[in-house]
């Protein structure tokens, strides 16, 4: 199995970081995983993922 993951670094405000930490702790997830899931959901909400899938 080939791992095609790419790692990126983002900068957020202290307030956003604090919210991510609280939410991740409450959900039992790593902060980075929660941030990734939120980003993916936003891309889905903006129809960017659906558009890409339709073009395949």
Protein backbone atom coordinates (compact mmCIF):
# COMPACT_ATOMS: atom_id res chain seq x y z
CA UNK A 1 0.00 0.00 0.00
CA UNK A 2 1.41 3.38 -1.04
CA UNK A 3 1.01 6.28 1.37
CA UNK A 4 0.13 9.36 -0.67
CA UNK A 5 -0.35 11.59 2.38
CA UNK A 6 1.22 15.01 2.35
CA UNK A 7 1.88 16.87 5.55
CA UNK A 8 1.16 20.59 5.78
CA UNK A 9 1.62 23.09 8.56
CA UNK A 10 -0.97 25.73 9.38
CA UNK A 11 -0.86 28.70 11.69
CA UNK A 12 -3.93 29.56 13.75
CA UNK A 13 -4.65 32.11 16.43
CA UNK A 14 -4.33 31.17 20.08
CA UNK A 15 -8.12 31.26 20.38
CA UNK A 16 -8.62 28.80 17.51
CA UNK A 17 -5.90 26.57 18.93
CA UNK A 18 -7.61 26.59 22.32
CA UNK A 19 -10.96 25.72 20.73
CA UNK A 20 -9.39 22.88 18.74
CA UNK A 21 -7.71 21.53 21.88
CA UNK A 22 -10.95 21.62 23.88
CA UNK A 23 -13.01 20.05 21.12
CA UNK A 24 -10.39 17.38 20.39
CA UNK A 25 -10.19 16.46 24.07
CA UNK A 26 -13.98 16.27 24.35
CA UNK A 27 -14.16 14.07 21.22
CA UNK A 28 -11.18 11.93 22.21
CA UNK A 29 -9.23 12.85 19.07
CA UNK A 30 -5.86 14.33 18.32
CA UNK A 31 -6.01 18.05 17.60
CA UNK A 32 -4.36 17.55 14.20
CA UNK A 33 -6.94 14.92 13.22
CA UNK A 34 -9.81 17.16 14.20
CA UNK A 35 -8.34 20.07 12.23
CA UNK A 36 -7.97 17.82 9.17
CA UNK A 37 -11.54 16.57 9.49
CA UNK A 38 -12.84 20.13 9.79
CA UNK A 39 -10.87 21.20 6.71
CA UNK A 40 -12.16 18.23 4.71
CA UNK A 41 -15.75 18.98 5.80
CA UNK A 42 -15.40 22.60 4.72
CA UNK A 43 -14.09 21.53 1.30
CA UNK A 44 -17.08 19.19 1.03
CA UNK A 45 -19.47 21.97 2.06
CA UNK A 46 -18.00 24.23 -0.63
CA UNK A 47 -18.67 21.50 -3.22
CA UNK A 48 -14.98 21.36 -4.11
CA UNK A 49 -14.71 17.64 -3.37
CA UNK A 50 -17.90 16.78 -5.28
CA UNK A 51 -16.69 18.80 -8.28
CA UNK A 52 -13.40 16.87 -8.34
CA UNK A 53 -15.15 13.52 -8.04
CA UNK A 54 -17.53 14.37 -10.90
CA UNK A 55 -14.55 15.18 -13.13
CA UNK A 56 -12.97 11.76 -12.57
